[in-house]
Amino acid sequence: MNIREVTLKAQKEGRGMTRKSYGFQPPILLPTNTEKCVIVIPFNKKKIKLNRWNPNLDDLLAEDWYVYG
Protein backbone atom coordinates (compact mmCIF):
# COMPACT_ATOMS: atom_id res chain seq x y z
CA MET A 1 0.00 0.00 0.00
CA ASN A 2 1.07 3.58 -0.43
CA ILE A 3 1.13 6.06 2.46
CA ARG A 4 -2.29 7.54 1.67
CA GLU A 5 -4.00 4.16 1.46
CA VAL A 6 -2.47 2.89 4.69
CA THR A 7 -3.24 6.12 6.54
CA LEU A 8 -6.92 5.92 5.60
CA LYS A 9 -7.12 2.23 6.54
CA ALA A 10 -5.28 2.72 9.85
CA GLN A 11 -7.54 5.64 10.73
CA LYS A 12 -10.66 3.61 9.96
CA GLU A 13 -9.43 0.67 12.08
CA GLY A 14 -8.07 2.82 14.92
CA ARG A 15 -4.56 1.40 14.47
CA GLY A 16 -1.09 2.57 13.52
CA MET A 17 1.03 1.94 10.46
CA THR A 18 4.57 1.03 9.48
CA ARG A 19 6.70 -0.15 6.57
CA LYS A 20 8.02 -3.63 5.84
CA SER A 21 11.43 -2.12 5.15
CA TYR A 22 11.62 -0.89 8.76
CA GLY A 23 12.57 -4.42 9.78
CA PHE A 24 11.52 -7.12 12.22
CA GLN A 25 10.39 -4.95 15.13
CA PRO A 26 9.27 -1.73 13.45
CA PRO A 27 7.95 1.35 15.21
CA ILE A 28 4.24 2.11 15.07
CA LEU A 29 3.42 5.44 13.45
CA LEU A 30 0.19 7.09 14.61
CA PRO A 31 -0.96 9.97 12.40
CA THR A 32 -2.96 12.62 14.27
CA ASN A 33 -4.50 16.03 13.68
CA THR A 34 -2.87 17.36 16.84
CA GLU A 35 0.23 19.46 17.39
CA LYS A 36 2.12 16.17 17.77
CA CYS A 37 1.52 15.34 14.08
CA VAL A 38 2.66 11.71 13.67
CA ILE A 39 3.59 9.97 16.92
CA VAL A 40 6.32 7.32 16.78
CA ILE A 41 5.92 4.42 19.22
CA PRO A 42 9.05 2.25 19.26
CA PHE A 43 8.71 -1.54 19.44
CA ASN A 44 10.99 -1.55 22.49
CA LYS A 45 8.89 -0.07 25.29
CA LYS A 46 12.04 1.14 27.06
CA LYS A 47 12.61 3.70 24.32
CA ILE A 48 10.87 7.09 24.29
CA LYS A 49 7.86 7.89 22.15
CA LEU A 50 8.66 10.61 19.66
CA ASN A 51 6.54 13.37 18.20
CA ARG A 52 6.67 14.73 14.68
CA TRP A 53 7.96 11.90 12.53
CA ASN A 54 9.71 13.37 9.50
CA PRO A 55 9.32 11.15 6.44
CA ASN A 56 11.96 11.17 3.76
CA LEU A 57 11.31 10.89 0.03
CA ASP A 58 11.56 7.08 0.11
CA ASP A 59 8.89 6.94 2.84
CA LEU A 60 6.52 9.12 0.84
CA LEU A 61 6.93 7.12 -2.38
CA ALA A 62 7.05 3.63 -0.83
CA GLU A 63 4.51 0.93 -1.57
CA ASP A 64 5.40 -1.35 1.38
CA TRP A 65 3.21 0.31 4.01
CA TYR A 66 0.83 -1.76 6.13
CA VAL A 67 -1.51 -1.33 9.10
CA TYR A 68 0.18 -2.34 12.33
CA GLY A 69 -0.48 -2.25 16.06
PDB file of N, CA and C in Angstrom:
ATOM      1  N   MET A   1       0.837  -1.180   0.000  1.00  0.00           N
ATOM      2  CA  MET A   1       0.000   0.000   0.000  1.00  0.00           C
ATOM      3  C   MET A   1       0.883   1.244   0.000  1.00  0.00           C
ATOM      4  N   ASN A   2       0.347   2.312  -0.515  1.00  0.00           N
ATOM      5  CA  ASN A   2       1.075   3.576  -0.425  1.00  0.00           C
ATOM      6  C   ASN A   2       0.670   4.284   0.871  1.00  0.00           C
ATOM      7  N   ILE A   3       1.319   5.396   1.171  1.00  0.00           N
ATOM      8  CA  ILE A   3       1.127   6.059   2.464  1.00  0.00           C
ATOM      9  C   ILE A   3      -0.300   6.596   2.639  1.00  0.00           C
ATOM     10  N   ARG A   4      -0.908   7.047   1.570  1.00  0.00           N
ATOM     11  CA  ARG A   4      -2.286   7.545   1.667  1.00  0.00           C
ATOM     12  C   ARG A   4      -3.251   6.407   1.970  1.00  0.00           C
ATOM     13  N   GLU A   5      -3.114   5.310   1.257  1.00  0.00           N
ATOM     14  CA  GLU A   5      -4.004   4.160   1.460  1.00  0.00           C
ATOM     15  C   GLU A   5      -3.881   3.615   2.877  1.00  0.00           C
ATOM     16  N   VAL A   6      -2.650   3.458   3.359  1.00  0.00           N
ATOM     17  CA  VAL A   6      -2.470   2.889   4.689  1.00  0.00           C
ATOM     18  C   VAL A   6      -2.940   3.851   5.775  1.00  0.00           C
ATOM     19  N   THR A   7      -2.770   5.137   5.558  1.00  0.00           N
ATOM     20  CA  THR A   7      -3.239   6.117   6.541  1.00  0.00           C
ATOM     21  C   THR A   7      -4.754   6.060   6.678  1.00  0.00           C
ATOM     22  N   LEU A   8      -5.451   6.002   5.569  1.00  0.00           N
ATOM     23  CA  LEU A   8      -6.920   5.918   5.603  1.00  0.00           C
ATOM     24  C   LEU A   8      -7.385   4.629   6.278  1.00  0.00           C
ATOM     25  N   LYS A   9      -6.734   3.514   5.946  1.00  0.00           N
ATOM     26  CA  LYS A   9      -7.117   2.225   6.543  1.00  0.00           C
ATOM     27  C   LYS A   9      -6.814   2.208   8.039  1.00  0.00           C
ATOM     28  N   ALA A  10      -5.643   2.693   8.434  1.00  0.00           N
ATOM     29  CA  ALA A  10      -5.277   2.722   9.852  1.00  0.00           C
ATOM     30  C   ALA A  10      -6.232   3.610  10.641  1.00  0.00           C
ATOM     31  N   GLN A  11      -6.599   4.737  10.064  1.00  0.00           N
ATOM     32  CA  GLN A  11      -7.543   5.644  10.731  1.00  0.00           C
ATOM     33  C   GLN A  11      -8.891   4.955  10.920  1.00  0.00           C
ATOM     34  N   LYS A  12      -9.369   4.290   9.891  1.00  0.00           N
ATOM     35  CA  LYS A  12     -10.665   3.606   9.957  1.00  0.00           C
ATOM     36  C   LYS A  12     -10.657   2.503  11.010  1.00  0.00           C
ATOM     37  N   GLU A  13      -9.536   1.789  11.132  1.00  0.00           N
ATOM     38  CA  GLU A  13      -9.430   0.666  12.077  1.00  0.00           C
ATOM     39  C   GLU A  13      -8.950   1.091  13.464  1.00  0.00           C
ATOM     40  N   GLY A  14      -8.568   2.357  13.626  1.00  0.00           N
ATOM     41  CA  GLY A  14      -8.071   2.822  14.917  1.00  0.00           C
ATOM     42  C   GLY A  14      -6.726   2.218  15.277  1.00  0.00           C
ATOM     43  N   ARG A  15      -5.869   2.025  14.264  1.00  0.00           N
ATOM     44  CA  ARG A  15      -4.562   1.396  14.473  1.00  0.00           C
ATOM     45  C   ARG A  15      -3.466   2.302  13.929  1.00  0.00           C
ATOM     46  N   GLY A  16      -2.230   1.844  14.048  1.00  0.00           N
ATOM     47  CA  GLY A  16      -1.092   2.569  13.522  1.00  0.00           C
ATOM     48  C   GLY A  16      -0.658   1.979  12.192  1.00  0.00           C
ATOM     49  N   MET A  17       0.512   2.416  11.738  1.00  0.00           N
ATOM     50  CA  MET A  17       1.026   1.938  10.460  1.00  0.00           C
ATOM     51  C   MET A  17       2.537   1.878  10.514  1.00  0.00           C
ATOM     52  N   THR A  18       3.120   1.134   9.593  1.00  0.00           N
ATOM     53  CA  THR A  18       4.566   1.034   9.484  1.00  0.00           C
ATOM     54  C   THR A  18       4.919   0.520   8.098  1.00  0.00           C
ATOM     55  N   ARG A  19       6.219   0.364   7.848  1.00  0.00           N
ATOM     56  CA  ARG A  19       6.698  -0.153   6.568  1.00  0.00           C
ATOM     57  C   ARG A  19       7.417  -1.470   6.764  1.00  0.00           C
ATOM     58  N   LYS A  20       7.296  -2.361   5.796  1.00  0.00           N
ATOM     59  CA  LYS A  20       8.024  -3.633   5.840  1.00  0.00           C
ATOM     60  C   LYS A  20       9.522  -3.402   5.878  1.00  0.00           C
ATOM     61  N   SER A  21       9.992  -2.381   5.192  1.00  0.00           N
ATOM     62  CA  SER A  21      11.432  -2.121   5.146  1.00  0.00           C
ATOM     63  C   SER A  21      11.993  -1.604   6.479  1.00  0.00           C
ATOM     64  N   TYR A  22      11.142  -1.321   7.449  1.00  0.00           N
ATOM     65  CA  TYR A  22      11.616  -0.885   8.764  1.00  0.00           C
ATOM     66  C   TYR A  22      12.123  -2.052   9.602  1.00  0.00           C
ATOM     67  N   GLY A  23      11.968  -3.267   9.118  1.00  0.00           N
ATOM     68  CA  GLY A  23      12.566  -4.418   9.782  1.00  0.00           C
ATOM     69  C   GLY A  23      11.620  -5.231  10.634  1.00  0.00           C
ATOM     70  N   PHE A  24      12.239  -6.116  11.440  1.00  0.00           N
ATOM     71  CA  PHE A  24      11.520  -7.121  12.216  1.00  0.00           C
ATOM     72  C   PHE A  24      10.669  -6.538  13.344  1.00  0.00           C
ATOM     73  N   GLN A  25      11.141  -5.556  14.028  1.00  0.00           N
ATOM     74  CA  GLN A  25      10.394  -4.952  15.132  1.00  0.00           C
ATOM     75  C   GLN A  25      10.232  -3.456  14.853  1.00  0.00           C
ATOM     76  N   PRO A  26       9.377  -3.121  13.889  1.00  0.00           N
ATOM     77  CA  PRO A  26       9.270  -1.731  13.453  1.00  0.00           C
ATOM     78  C   PRO A  26       8.506  -0.858  14.448  1.00  0.00           C
ATOM     79  N   PRO A  27       8.739   0.429  14.395  1.00  0.00           N
ATOM     80  CA  PRO A  27       7.951   1.346  15.211  1.00  0.00           C
ATOM     81  C   PRO A  27       6.533   1.457  14.648  1.00  0.00           C
ATOM     82  N   ILE A  28       5.605   1.822  15.504  1.00  0.00           N
ATOM     83  CA  ILE A  28       4.238   2.113  15.068  1.00  0.00           C
ATOM     84  C   ILE A  28       4.149   3.617  14.858  1.00  0.00           C
ATOM     85  N   LEU A  29       3.621   4.024  13.733  1.00  0.00           N
ATOM     86  CA  LEU A  29       3.415   5.437  13.446  1.00  0.00           C
ATOM     87  C   LEU A  29       1.924   5.731  13.568  1.00  0.00           C
ATOM     88  N   LEU A  30       1.577   6.718  14.390  1.00  0.00           N
ATOM     89  CA  LEU A  30       0.186   7.089  14.609  1.00  0.00           C
ATOM     90  C   LEU A  30      -0.060   8.506  14.094  1.00  0.00           C
ATOM     91  N   PRO A  31      -0.658   8.635  12.917  1.00  0.00           N
ATOM     92  CA  PRO A  31      -0.956   9.969  12.400  1.00  0.00           C
ATOM     93  C   PRO A  31      -2.086  10.614  13.203  1.00  0.00           C
ATOM     94  N   THR A  32      -1.921  11.892  13.531  1.00  0.00           N
ATOM     95  CA  THR A  32      -2.960  12.616  14.266  1.00  0.00           C
ATOM     96  C   THR A  32      -3.181  13.985  13.642  1.00  0.00           C
ATOM     97  N   ASN A  33      -4.238  14.639  14.054  1.00  0.00           N
ATOM     98  CA  ASN A  33      -4.495  16.026  13.679  1.00  0.00           C
ATOM     99  C   ASN A  33      -4.191  16.950  14.849  1.00  0.00           C
ATOM    100  N   THR A  34      -3.262  16.553  15.686  1.00  0.00           N
ATOM    101  CA  THR A  34      -2.870  17.360  16.841  1.00  0.00           C
ATOM    102  C   THR A  34      -1.536  18.035  16.561  1.00  0.00           C
ATOM    103  N   GLU A  35      -1.067  18.816  17.530  1.00  0.00           N
ATOM    104  CA  GLU A  35       0.234  19.456  17.387  1.00  0.00           C
ATOM    105  C   GLU A  35       1.376  18.445  17.381  1.00  0.00           C
ATOM    106  N   LYS A  36       1.094  17.214  17.768  1.00  0.00           N
ATOM    107  CA  LYS A  36       2.117  16.166  17.770  1.00  0.00           C
ATOM    108  C   LYS A  36       2.299  15.517  16.398  1.00  0.00           C
ATOM    109  N   CYS A  37       1.433  15.835  15.472  1.00  0.00           N
ATOM    110  CA  CYS A  37       1.517  15.336  14.082  1.00  0.00           C
ATOM    111  C   CYS A  37       1.485  13.808  14.029  1.00  0.00           C
ATOM    112  N   VAL A  38       2.596  13.177  13.711  1.00  0.00           N
ATOM    113  CA  VAL A  38       2.664  11.711  13.666  1.00  0.00           C
ATOM    114  C   VAL A  38       3.507  11.259  14.852  1.00  0.00           C
ATOM    115  N   ILE A  39       2.903  10.465  15.730  1.00  0.00           N
ATOM    116  CA  ILE A  39       3.585   9.970  16.924  1.00  0.00           C
ATOM    117  C   ILE A  39       4.285   8.667  16.577  1.00  0.00           C
ATOM    118  N   VAL A  40       5.530   8.524  17.016  1.00  0.00           N
ATOM    119  CA  VAL A  40       6.316   7.319  16.778  1.00  0.00           C
ATOM    120  C   VAL A  40       6.377   6.527  18.078  1.00  0.00           C
ATOM    121  N   ILE A  41       5.868   5.299  18.050  1.00  0.00           N
ATOM    122  CA  ILE A  41       5.918   4.416  19.215  1.00  0.00           C
ATOM    123  C   ILE A  41       6.898   3.294  18.894  1.00  0.00           C
ATOM    124  N   PRO A  42       8.049   3.277  19.554  1.00  0.00           N
ATOM    125  CA  PRO A  42       9.049   2.246  19.264  1.00  0.00           C
ATOM    126  C   PRO A  42       8.580   0.873  19.724  1.00  0.00           C
ATOM    127  N   PHE A  43       9.054  -0.170  19.062  1.00  0.00           N
ATOM    128  CA  PHE A  43       8.714  -1.541  19.444  1.00  0.00           C
ATOM    129  C   PHE A  43       9.206  -1.821  20.865  1.00  0.00           C
ATOM    130  N   ASN A  44      10.410  -1.370  21.171  1.00  0.00           N
ATOM    131  CA  ASN A  44      10.994  -1.553  22.489  1.00  0.00           C
ATOM    132  C   ASN A  44      10.385  -0.527  23.437  1.00  0.00           C
ATOM    133  N   LYS A  45       9.610  -0.978  24.393  1.00  0.00           N
ATOM    134  CA  LYS A  45       8.887  -0.074  25.289  1.00  0.00           C
ATOM    135  C   LYS A  45       9.816   0.735  26.193  1.00  0.00           C
ATOM    136  N   LYS A  46      11.084   0.387  26.244  1.00  0.00           N
ATOM    137  CA  LYS A  46      12.035   1.144  27.064  1.00  0.00           C
ATOM    138  C   LYS A  46      12.462   2.429  26.363  1.00  0.00           C
ATOM    139  N   LYS A  47      12.248   2.497  25.069  1.00  0.00           N
ATOM    140  CA  LYS A  47      12.609   3.704  24.322  1.00  0.00           C
ATOM    141  C   LYS A  47      11.491   4.732  24.436  1.00  0.00           C
ATOM    142  N   ILE A  48      11.817   5.969  24.175  1.00  0.00           N
ATOM    143  CA  ILE A  48      10.875   7.089  24.295  1.00  0.00           C
ATOM    144  C   ILE A  48      10.011   7.228  23.050  1.00  0.00           C
ATOM    145  N   LYS A  49       8.741   7.540  23.272  1.00  0.00           N
ATOM    146  CA  LYS A  49       7.863   7.887  22.152  1.00  0.00           C
ATOM    147  C   LYS A  49       8.310   9.226  21.600  1.00  0.00           C
ATOM    148  N   LEU A  50       8.238   9.363  20.299  1.00  0.00           N
ATOM    149  CA  LEU A  50       8.660  10.606  19.659  1.00  0.00           C
ATOM    150  C   LEU A  50       7.482  11.289  18.991  1.00  0.00           C
ATOM    151  N   ASN A  51       7.542  12.589  18.926  1.00  0.00           N
ATOM    152  CA  ASN A  51       6.540  13.368  18.203  1.00  0.00           C
ATOM    153  C   ASN A  51       7.138  13.821  16.875  1.00  0.00           C
ATOM    154  N   ARG A  52       6.278  14.111  15.956  1.00  0.00           N
ATOM    155  CA  ARG A  52       6.669  14.727  14.684  1.00  0.00           C
ATOM    156  C   ARG A  52       7.634  13.896  13.855  1.00  0.00           C
ATOM    157  N   TRP A  53       7.201  12.722  13.467  1.00  0.00           N
ATOM    158  CA  TRP A  53       7.957  11.905  12.528  1.00  0.00           C
ATOM    159  C   TRP A  53       8.174  12.690  11.248  1.00  0.00           C
ATOM    160  N   ASN A  54       9.366  12.663  10.732  1.00  0.00           N
ATOM    161  CA  ASN A  54       9.709  13.365   9.504  1.00  0.00           C
ATOM    162  C   ASN A  54      10.015  12.355   8.404  1.00  0.00           C
ATOM    163  N   PRO A  55       9.070  12.120   7.516  1.00  0.00           N
ATOM    164  CA  PRO A  55       9.315  11.150   6.443  1.00  0.00           C
ATOM    165  C   PRO A  55      10.324  11.687   5.434  1.00  0.00           C
ATOM    166  N   ASN A  56      11.084  10.771   4.850  1.00  0.00           N
ATOM    167  CA  ASN A  56      11.958  11.170   3.758  1.00  0.00           C
ATOM    168  C   ASN A  56      11.267  10.831   2.435  1.00  0.00           C
ATOM    169  N   LEU A  57      11.902  11.124   1.335  1.00  0.00           N
ATOM    170  CA  LEU A  57      11.308  10.893   0.028  1.00  0.00           C
ATOM    171  C   LEU A  57      10.951   9.421  -0.175  1.00  0.00           C
ATOM    172  N   ASP A  58      11.836   8.509   0.246  1.00  0.00           N
ATOM    173  CA  ASP A  58      11.556   7.080   0.109  1.00  0.00           C
ATOM    174  C   ASP A  58      10.292   6.679   0.862  1.00  0.00           C
ATOM    175  N   ASP A  59      10.104   7.231   2.063  1.00  0.00           N
ATOM    176  CA  ASP A  59       8.892   6.938   2.839  1.00  0.00           C
ATOM    177  C   ASP A  59       7.641   7.384   2.088  1.00  0.00           C
ATOM    178  N   LEU A  60       7.694   8.564   1.520  1.00  0.00           N
ATOM    179  CA  LEU A  60       6.520   9.118   0.837  1.00  0.00           C
ATOM    180  C   LEU A  60       6.176   8.374  -0.453  1.00  0.00           C
ATOM    181  N   LEU A  61       7.169   7.822  -1.115  1.00  0.00           N
ATOM    182  CA  LEU A  61       6.934   7.125  -2.383  1.00  0.00           C
ATOM    183  C   LEU A  61       6.783   5.617  -2.232  1.00  0.00           C
ATOM    184  N   ALA A  62       7.042   5.086  -1.046  1.00  0.00           N
ATOM    185  CA  ALA A  62       7.048   3.635  -0.827  1.00  0.00           C
ATOM    186  C   ALA A  62       5.685   2.992  -1.028  1.00  0.00           C
ATOM    187  N   GLU A  63       5.723   1.730  -1.398  1.00  0.00           N
ATOM    188  CA  GLU A  63       4.507   0.930  -1.571  1.00  0.00           C
ATOM    189  C   GLU A  63       4.477  -0.252  -0.593  1.00  0.00           C
ATOM    190  N   ASP A  64       5.348  -0.226   0.433  1.00  0.00           N
ATOM    191  CA  ASP A  64       5.400  -1.354   1.377  1.00  0.00           C
ATOM    192  C   ASP A  64       4.789  -1.026   2.745  1.00  0.00           C
ATOM    193  N   TRP A  65       3.900  -0.064   2.775  1.00  0.00           N
ATOM    194  CA  TRP A  65       3.208   0.310   4.008  1.00  0.00           C
ATOM    195  C   TRP A  65       2.140  -0.718   4.372  1.00  0.00           C
ATOM    196  N   TYR A  66       1.926  -0.898   5.675  1.00  0.00           N
ATOM    197  CA  TYR A  66       0.830  -1.763   6.126  1.00  0.00           C
ATOM    198  C   TYR A  66       0.323  -1.290   7.495  1.00  0.00           C
ATOM    199  N   VAL A  67      -0.898  -1.654   7.809  1.00  0.00           N
ATOM    200  CA  VAL A  67      -1.506  -1.327   9.101  1.00  0.00           C
ATOM    201  C   VAL A  67      -0.875  -2.218  10.152  1.00  0.00           C
ATOM    202  N   TYR A  68      -0.588  -1.634  11.308  1.00  0.00           N
ATOM    203  CA  TYR A  68       0.185  -2.336  12.331  1.00  0.00           C
ATOM    204  C   TYR A  68      -0.198  -1.796  13.700  1.00  0.00           C
ATOM    205  N   GLY A  69      -0.230  -2.668  14.686  1.00  0.00           N
ATOM    206  CA  GLY A  69      -0.479  -2.248  16.057  1.00  0.00           C
ATOM    207  C   GLY A  69      -1.909  -2.359  16.488  1.00  0.00           C
TER     208      GLY A  69
END
